[in-house]
Amino acid sequence: MVPEALDPAERLAFVLHDMFGVPFDEIAPIVDRTPAAARQLASRARRRVRGGTPTAMPDRDLNRRRRVVEAFLSSA
């Protein structure tokens, strides 16, 4: 599945912004990035969903991944 090709922060920025209309300044603290970096995460995710960029190495930091998932579940 395409969402599995995204790293957790990309997936979160993409889903929150593109599916739920959450502004990047609200997404930024959830993914522990600046609003500009959150915008870039969503942009990169869009390109990957469209097939434009191959998947990079997955995020190996399990604590960070858990925080991102917990933040997503809290906001959902």
PDB file of N, CA and C in Angstrom:
ATOM      1  N   MET A   1       0.832  -1.190   0.000  1.00  0.00           N
ATOM      2  CA  MET A   1       0.000   0.000   0.000  1.00  0.00           C
ATOM      3  C   MET A   1       0.872   1.248   0.000  1.00  0.00           C
ATOM      4  N   VAL A   2       0.399   2.269  -0.654  1.00  0.00           N
ATOM      5  CA  VAL A   2       1.155   3.510  -0.764  1.00  0.00           C
ATOM      6  C   VAL A   2       1.417   4.166   0.587  1.00  0.00           C
ATOM      7  N   PRO A   3       0.435   4.298   1.501  1.00  0.00           N
ATOM      8  CA  PRO A   3       0.748   4.949   2.781  1.00  0.00           C
ATOM      9  C   PRO A   3       1.875   4.275   3.547  1.00  0.00           C
ATOM     10  N   GLU A   4       2.059   2.992   3.367  1.00  0.00           N
ATOM     11  CA  GLU A   4       3.142   2.291   4.052  1.00  0.00           C
ATOM     12  C   GLU A   4       4.501   2.699   3.513  1.00  0.00           C
ATOM     13  N   ALA A   5       4.538   3.286   2.310  1.00  0.00           N
ATOM     14  CA  ALA A   5       5.797   3.741   1.722  1.00  0.00           C
ATOM     15  C   ALA A   5       6.248   5.063   2.327  1.00  0.00           C
ATOM     16  N   LEU A   6       5.380   5.730   3.069  1.00  0.00           N
ATOM     17  CA  LEU A   6       5.712   7.017   3.675  1.00  0.00           C
ATOM     18  C   LEU A   6       6.251   6.811   5.078  1.00  0.00           C
ATOM     19  N   ASP A   7       7.200   7.668   5.472  1.00  0.00           N
ATOM     20  CA  ASP A   7       7.628   7.582   6.861  1.00  0.00           C
ATOM     21  C   ASP A   7       6.521   8.177   7.737  1.00  0.00           C
ATOM     22  N   PRO A   8       6.499   7.880   9.023  1.00  0.00           N
ATOM     23  CA  PRO A   8       5.383   8.300   9.877  1.00  0.00           C
ATOM     24  C   PRO A   8       5.104   9.802   9.857  1.00  0.00           C
ATOM     25  N   ALA A   9       6.130  10.626   9.879  1.00  0.00           N
ATOM     26  CA  ALA A   9       5.913  12.074   9.884  1.00  0.00           C
ATOM     27  C   ALA A   9       5.317  12.544   8.556  1.00  0.00           C
ATOM     28  N   GLU A  10       5.791  11.986   7.440  1.00  0.00           N
ATOM     29  CA  GLU A  10       5.220  12.324   6.135  1.00  0.00           C
ATOM     30  C   GLU A  10       3.757  11.916   6.064  1.00  0.00           C
ATOM     31  N   ARG A  11       3.486  10.720   6.495  1.00  0.00           N
ATOM     32  CA  ARG A  11       2.119  10.205   6.470  1.00  0.00           C
ATOM     33  C   ARG A  11       1.201  11.094   7.303  1.00  0.00           C
ATOM     34  N   LEU A  12       1.660  11.464   8.472  1.00  0.00           N
ATOM     35  CA  LEU A  12       0.859  12.290   9.368  1.00  0.00           C
ATOM     36  C   LEU A  12       0.601  13.668   8.769  1.00  0.00           C
ATOM     37  N   ALA A  13       1.632  14.328   8.262  1.00  0.00           N
ATOM     38  CA  ALA A  13       1.466  15.649   7.655  1.00  0.00           C
ATOM     39  C   ALA A  13       0.532  15.574   6.456  1.00  0.00           C
ATOM     40  N   PHE A  14       0.693  14.570   5.641  1.00  0.00           N
ATOM     41  CA  PHE A  14      -0.140  14.386   4.444  1.00  0.00           C
ATOM     42  C   PHE A  14      -1.598  14.154   4.825  1.00  0.00           C
ATOM     43  N   VAL A  15      -1.838  13.218   5.718  1.00  0.00           N
ATOM     44  CA  VAL A  15      -3.221  12.881   6.095  1.00  0.00           C
ATOM     45  C   VAL A  15      -3.889  14.050   6.813  1.00  0.00           C
ATOM     46  N   LEU A  16      -3.217  14.637   7.783  1.00  0.00           N
ATOM     47  CA  LEU A  16      -3.832  15.726   8.528  1.00  0.00           C
ATOM     48  C   LEU A  16      -4.142  16.925   7.627  1.00  0.00           C
ATOM     49  N   HIS A  17      -3.215  17.274   6.743  1.00  0.00           N
ATOM     50  CA  HIS A  17      -3.444  18.444   5.899  1.00  0.00           C
ATOM     51  C   HIS A  17      -4.366  18.136   4.724  1.00  0.00           C
ATOM     52  N   ASP A  18      -4.025  17.121   3.946  1.00  0.00           N
ATOM     53  CA  ASP A  18      -4.755  16.884   2.708  1.00  0.00           C
ATOM     54  C   ASP A  18      -6.116  16.214   2.913  1.00  0.00           C
ATOM     55  N   MET A  19      -6.252  15.445   3.959  1.00  0.00           N
ATOM     56  CA  MET A  19      -7.518  14.755   4.182  1.00  0.00           C
ATOM     57  C   MET A  19      -8.427  15.481   5.169  1.00  0.00           C
ATOM     58  N   PHE A  20      -7.816  16.135   6.175  1.00  0.00           N
ATOM     59  CA  PHE A  20      -8.611  16.760   7.221  1.00  0.00           C
ATOM     60  C   PHE A  20      -8.508  18.289   7.234  1.00  0.00           C
ATOM     61  N   GLY A  21      -7.675  18.868   6.361  1.00  0.00           N
ATOM     62  CA  GLY A  21      -7.564  20.309   6.267  1.00  0.00           C
ATOM     63  C   GLY A  21      -6.915  20.993   7.457  1.00  0.00           C
ATOM     64  N   VAL A  22      -6.111  20.274   8.211  1.00  0.00           N
ATOM     65  CA  VAL A  22      -5.423  20.871   9.363  1.00  0.00           C
ATOM     66  C   VAL A  22      -4.289  21.754   8.834  1.00  0.00           C
ATOM     67  N   PRO A  23      -4.192  23.009   9.290  1.00  0.00           N
ATOM     68  CA  PRO A  23      -3.127  23.897   8.819  1.00  0.00           C
ATOM     69  C   PRO A  23      -1.740  23.434   9.292  1.00  0.00           C
ATOM     70  N   PHE A  24      -0.732  23.783   8.492  1.00  0.00           N
ATOM     71  CA  PHE A  24       0.628  23.344   8.804  1.00  0.00           C
ATOM     72  C   PHE A  24       1.143  23.893  10.128  1.00  0.00           C
ATOM     73  N   ASP A  25       0.692  25.074  10.544  1.00  0.00           N
ATOM     74  CA  ASP A  25       1.168  25.594  11.835  1.00  0.00           C
ATOM     75  C   ASP A  25       0.625  24.770  12.996  1.00  0.00           C
ATOM     76  N   GLU A  26      -0.451  24.018  12.797  1.00  0.00           N
ATOM     77  CA  GLU A  26      -0.944  23.109  13.835  1.00  0.00           C
ATOM     78  C   GLU A  26      -0.294  21.725  13.714  1.00  0.00           C
ATOM     79  N   ILE A  27       0.080  21.350  12.512  1.00  0.00           N
ATOM     80  CA  ILE A  27       0.736  20.050  12.280  1.00  0.00           C
ATOM     81  C   ILE A  27       2.180  20.083  12.782  1.00  0.00           C
ATOM     82  N   ALA A  28       2.849  21.224  12.635  1.00  0.00           N
ATOM     83  CA  ALA A  28       4.276  21.355  12.971  1.00  0.00           C
ATOM     84  C   ALA A  28       4.636  20.835  14.359  1.00  0.00           C
ATOM     85  N   PRO A  29       3.938  21.246  15.430  1.00  0.00           N
ATOM     86  CA  PRO A  29       4.339  20.730  16.745  1.00  0.00           C
ATOM     87  C   PRO A  29       4.068  19.233  16.913  1.00  0.00           C
ATOM     88  N   ILE A  30       3.101  18.719  16.183  1.00  0.00           N
ATOM     89  CA  ILE A  30       2.782  17.288  16.274  1.00  0.00           C
ATOM     90  C   ILE A  30       3.924  16.452  15.713  1.00  0.00           C
ATOM     91  N   VAL A  31       4.513  16.917  14.596  1.00  0.00           N
ATOM     92  CA  VAL A  31       5.609  16.170  13.970  1.00  0.00           C
ATOM     93  C   VAL A  31       6.982  16.704  14.382  1.00  0.00           C
ATOM     94  N   ASP A  32       6.974  17.643  15.364  1.00  0.00           N
ATOM     95  CA  ASP A  32       8.207  18.208  15.908  1.00  0.00           C
ATOM     96  C   ASP A  32       9.071  18.855  14.823  1.00  0.00           C
ATOM     97  N   ARG A  33       8.421  19.683  14.005  1.00  0.00           N
ATOM     98  CA  ARG A  33       9.085  20.397  12.910  1.00  0.00           C
ATOM     99  C   ARG A  33       8.537  21.823  12.845  1.00  0.00           C
ATOM    100  N   THR A  34       9.144  22.649  12.028  1.00  0.00           N
ATOM    101  CA  THR A  34       8.615  23.981  11.758  1.00  0.00           C
ATOM    102  C   THR A  34       7.433  23.834  10.786  1.00  0.00           C
ATOM    103  N   PRO A  35       6.584  24.878  10.681  1.00  0.00           N
ATOM    104  CA  PRO A  35       5.498  24.801   9.695  1.00  0.00           C
ATOM    105  C   PRO A  35       6.012  24.585   8.264  1.00  0.00           C
ATOM    106  N   ALA A  36       7.129  25.228   7.918  1.00  0.00           N
ATOM    107  CA  ALA A  36       7.701  25.036   6.580  1.00  0.00           C
ATOM    108  C   ALA A  36       8.150  23.593   6.375  1.00  0.00           C
ATOM    109  N   ALA A  37       8.755  23.004   7.388  1.00  0.00           N
ATOM    110  CA  ALA A  37       9.200  21.606   7.283  1.00  0.00           C
ATOM    111  C   ALA A  37       7.998  20.663   7.223  1.00  0.00           C
ATOM    112  N   ALA A  38       6.939  20.979   7.951  1.00  0.00           N
ATOM    113  CA  ALA A  38       5.716  20.160   7.884  1.00  0.00           C
ATOM    114  C   ALA A  38       5.114  20.235   6.491  1.00  0.00           C
ATOM    115  N   ARG A  39       5.135  21.419   5.891  1.00  0.00           N
ATOM    116  CA  ARG A  39       4.651  21.597   4.515  1.00  0.00           C
ATOM    117  C   ARG A  39       5.475  20.741   3.559  1.00  0.00           C
ATOM    118  N   GLN A  40       6.792  20.721   3.772  1.00  0.00           N
ATOM    119  CA  GLN A  40       7.681  19.922   2.919  1.00  0.00           C
ATOM    120  C   GLN A  40       7.401  18.430   3.084  1.00  0.00           C
ATOM    121  N   LEU A  41       7.123  17.994   4.319  1.00  0.00           N
ATOM    122  CA  LEU A  41       6.785  16.587   4.545  1.00  0.00           C
ATOM    123  C   LEU A  41       5.552  16.194   3.729  1.00  0.00           C
ATOM    124  N   ALA A  42       4.517  17.037   3.778  1.00  0.00           N
ATOM    125  CA  ALA A  42       3.292  16.747   3.032  1.00  0.00           C
ATOM    126  C   ALA A  42       3.548  16.757   1.528  1.00  0.00           C
ATOM    127  N   SER A  43       4.365  17.696   1.075  1.00  0.00           N
ATOM    128  CA  SER A  43       4.696  17.773  -0.352  1.00  0.00           C
ATOM    129  C   SER A  43       5.437  16.517  -0.810  1.00  0.00           C
ATOM    130  N   ARG A  44       6.394  16.083  -0.019  1.00  0.00           N
ATOM    131  CA  ARG A  44       7.155  14.867  -0.339  1.00  0.00           C
ATOM    132  C   ARG A  44       6.223  13.658  -0.359  1.00  0.00           C
ATOM    133  N   ALA A  45       5.311  13.605   0.599  1.00  0.00           N
ATOM    134  CA  ALA A  45       4.355  12.498   0.649  1.00  0.00           C
ATOM    135  C   ALA A  45       3.474  12.492  -0.594  1.00  0.00           C
ATOM    136  N   ARG A  46       3.011  13.671  -1.032  1.00  0.00           N
ATOM    137  CA  ARG A  46       2.194  13.749  -2.248  1.00  0.00           C
ATOM    138  C   ARG A  46       2.951  13.208  -3.444  1.00  0.00           C
ATOM    139  N   ARG A  47       4.226  13.584  -3.566  1.00  0.00           N
ATOM    140  CA  ARG A  47       5.035  13.079  -4.693  1.00  0.00           C
ATOM    141  C   ARG A  47       5.162  11.560  -4.633  1.00  0.00           C
ATOM    142  N   ARG A  48       5.375  11.032  -3.445  1.00  0.00           N
ATOM    143  CA  ARG A  48       5.507   9.573  -3.315  1.00  0.00           C
ATOM    144  C   ARG A  48       4.197   8.872  -3.626  1.00  0.00           C
ATOM    145  N   VAL A  49       3.087   9.457  -3.187  1.00  0.00           N
ATOM    146  CA  VAL A  49       1.781   8.864  -3.470  1.00  0.00           C
ATOM    147  C   VAL A  49       1.552   8.833  -4.985  1.00  0.00           C
ATOM    148  N   ARG A  50       1.996   9.864  -5.660  1.00  0.00           N
ATOM    149  CA  ARG A  50       1.857   9.922  -7.122  1.00  0.00           C
ATOM    150  C   ARG A  50       2.908   9.074  -7.839  1.00  0.00           C
ATOM    151  N   GLY A  51       3.873   8.553  -7.093  1.00  0.00           N
ATOM    152  CA  GLY A  51       4.900   7.707  -7.699  1.00  0.00           C
ATOM    153  C   GLY A  51       6.114   8.456  -8.197  1.00  0.00           C
ATOM    154  N   GLY A  52       6.307   9.701  -7.738  1.00  0.00           N
ATOM    155  CA  GLY A  52       7.397  10.511  -8.244  1.00  0.00           C
ATOM    156  C   GLY A  52       8.718  10.372  -7.520  1.00  0.00           C
ATOM    157  N   THR A  53       8.726   9.859  -6.303  1.00  0.00           N
ATOM    158  CA  THR A  53       9.962   9.766  -5.535  1.00  0.00           C
ATOM    159  C   THR A  53      10.041   8.417  -4.847  1.00  0.00           C
ATOM    160  N   PRO A  54      11.128   7.683  -5.031  1.00  0.00           N
ATOM    161  CA  PRO A  54      11.249   6.400  -4.328  1.00  0.00           C
ATOM    162  C   PRO A  54      11.343   6.591  -2.819  1.00  0.00           C
ATOM    163  N   THR A  55      10.966   5.571  -2.090  1.00  0.00           N
ATOM    164  CA  THR A  55      10.987   5.617  -0.636  1.00  0.00           C
ATOM    165  C   THR A  55      12.418   5.593  -0.122  1.00  0.00           C
ATOM    166  N   ALA A  56      12.694   6.465   0.825  1.00  0.00           N
ATOM    167  CA  ALA A  56      14.007   6.494   1.472  1.00  0.00           C
ATOM    168  C   ALA A  56      14.019   5.476   2.609  1.00  0.00           C
ATOM    169  N   MET A  57      15.142   5.415   3.285  1.00  0.00           N
ATOM    170  CA  MET A  57      15.291   4.524   4.427  1.00  0.00           C
ATOM    171  C   MET A  57      14.232   4.863   5.481  1.00  0.00           C
ATOM    172  N   PRO A  58      13.532   3.881   6.032  1.00  0.00           N
ATOM    173  CA  PRO A  58      12.521   4.176   7.042  1.00  0.00           C
ATOM    174  C   PRO A  58      13.137   4.735   8.325  1.00  0.00           C
ATOM    175  N   ASP A  59      12.338   5.500   9.048  1.00  0.00           N
ATOM    176  CA  ASP A  59      12.776   6.084  10.308  1.00  0.00           C
ATOM    177  C   ASP A  59      13.005   4.953  11.312  1.00  0.00           C
ATOM    178  N   ARG A  60      14.220   4.808  11.807  1.00  0.00           N
ATOM    179  CA  ARG A  60      14.572   3.721  12.724  1.00  0.00           C
ATOM    180  C   ARG A  60      14.355   4.086  14.195  1.00  0.00           C
ATOM    181  N   ASP A  61      14.059   5.365  14.472  1.00  0.00           N
ATOM    182  CA  ASP A  61      13.866   5.823  15.834  1.00  0.00           C
ATOM    183  C   ASP A  61      12.461   5.437  16.305  1.00  0.00           C
ATOM    184  N   LEU A  62      12.358   4.329  17.026  1.00  0.00           N
ATOM    185  CA  LEU A  62      11.057   3.819  17.443  1.00  0.00           C
ATOM    186  C   LEU A  62      10.327   4.750  18.398  1.00  0.00           C
ATOM    187  N   ASN A  63      11.060   5.416  19.287  1.00  0.00           N
ATOM    188  CA  ASN A  63      10.412   6.366  20.198  1.00  0.00           C
ATOM    189  C   ASN A  63       9.785   7.514  19.423  1.00  0.00           C
ATOM    190  N   ARG A  64      10.489   8.036  18.456  1.00  0.00           N
ATOM    191  CA  ARG A  64       9.946   9.118  17.618  1.00  0.00           C
ATOM    192  C   ARG A  64       8.723   8.625  16.853  1.00  0.00           C
ATOM    193  N   ARG A  65       8.790   7.434  16.297  1.00  0.00           N
ATOM    194  CA  ARG A  65       7.653   6.884  15.557  1.00  0.00           C
ATOM    195  C   ARG A  65       6.443   6.727  16.467  1.00  0.00           C
ATOM    196  N   ARG A  66       6.665   6.272  17.692  1.00  0.00           N
ATOM    197  CA  ARG A  66       5.551   6.123  18.645  1.00  0.00           C
ATOM    198  C   ARG A  66       4.925   7.472  18.977  1.00  0.00           C
ATOM    199  N   ARG A  67       5.767   8.496  19.177  1.00  0.00           N
ATOM    200  CA  ARG A  67       5.243   9.838  19.474  1.00  0.00           C
ATOM    201  C   ARG A  67       4.395  10.358  18.315  1.00  0.00           C
ATOM    202  N   VAL A  68       4.853  10.122  17.093  1.00  0.00           N
ATOM    203  CA  VAL A  68       4.105  10.581  15.922  1.00  0.00           C
ATOM    204  C   VAL A  68       2.770   9.858  15.827  1.00  0.00           C
ATOM    205  N   VAL A  69       2.784   8.558  16.035  1.00  0.00           N
ATOM    206  CA  VAL A  69       1.539   7.787  15.976  1.00  0.00           C
ATOM    207  C   VAL A  69       0.587   8.213  17.084  1.00  0.00           C
ATOM    208  N   GLU A  70       1.108   8.391  18.291  1.00  0.00           N
ATOM    209  CA  GLU A  70       0.265   8.835  19.415  1.00  0.00           C
ATOM    210  C   GLU A  70      -0.341  10.211  19.129  1.00  0.00           C
ATOM    211  N   ALA A  71       0.453  11.099  18.547  1.00  0.00           N
ATOM    212  CA  ALA A  71      -0.058  12.432  18.202  1.00  0.00           C
ATOM    213  C   ALA A  71      -1.157  12.327  17.151  1.00  0.00           C
ATOM    214  N   PHE A  72      -0.965  11.462  16.172  1.00  0.00           N
ATOM    215  CA  PHE A  72      -1.990  11.269  15.147  1.00  0.00           C
ATOM    216  C   PHE A  72      -3.279  10.730  15.767  1.00  0.00           C
ATOM    217  N   LEU A  73      -3.152   9.718  16.601  1.00  0.00           N
ATOM    218  CA  LEU A  73      -4.346   9.136  17.220  1.00  0.00           C
ATOM    219  C   LEU A  73      -5.056  10.149  18.113  1.00  0.00           C
ATOM    220  N   SER A  74      -4.304  10.974  18.817  1.00  0.00           N
ATOM    221  CA  SER A  74      -4.911  12.002  19.659  1.00  0.00           C
ATOM    222  C   SER A  74      -5.681  13.019  18.828  1.00  0.00           C
ATOM    223  N   SER A  75      -5.104  13.392  17.693  1.00  0.00           N
ATOM    224  CA  SER A  75      -5.762  14.397  16.858  1.00  0.00           C
ATOM    225  C   SER A  75      -6.936  13.815  16.087  1.00  0.00           C
ATOM    226  N   ALA A  76      -6.883  12.528  15.815  1.00  0.00           N
ATOM    227  CA  ALA A  76      -8.003  11.898  15.076  1.00  0.00           C
ATOM    228  C   ALA A  76      -9.183  11.768  15.996  1.00  0.00           C
TER     229      ALA A  76
END
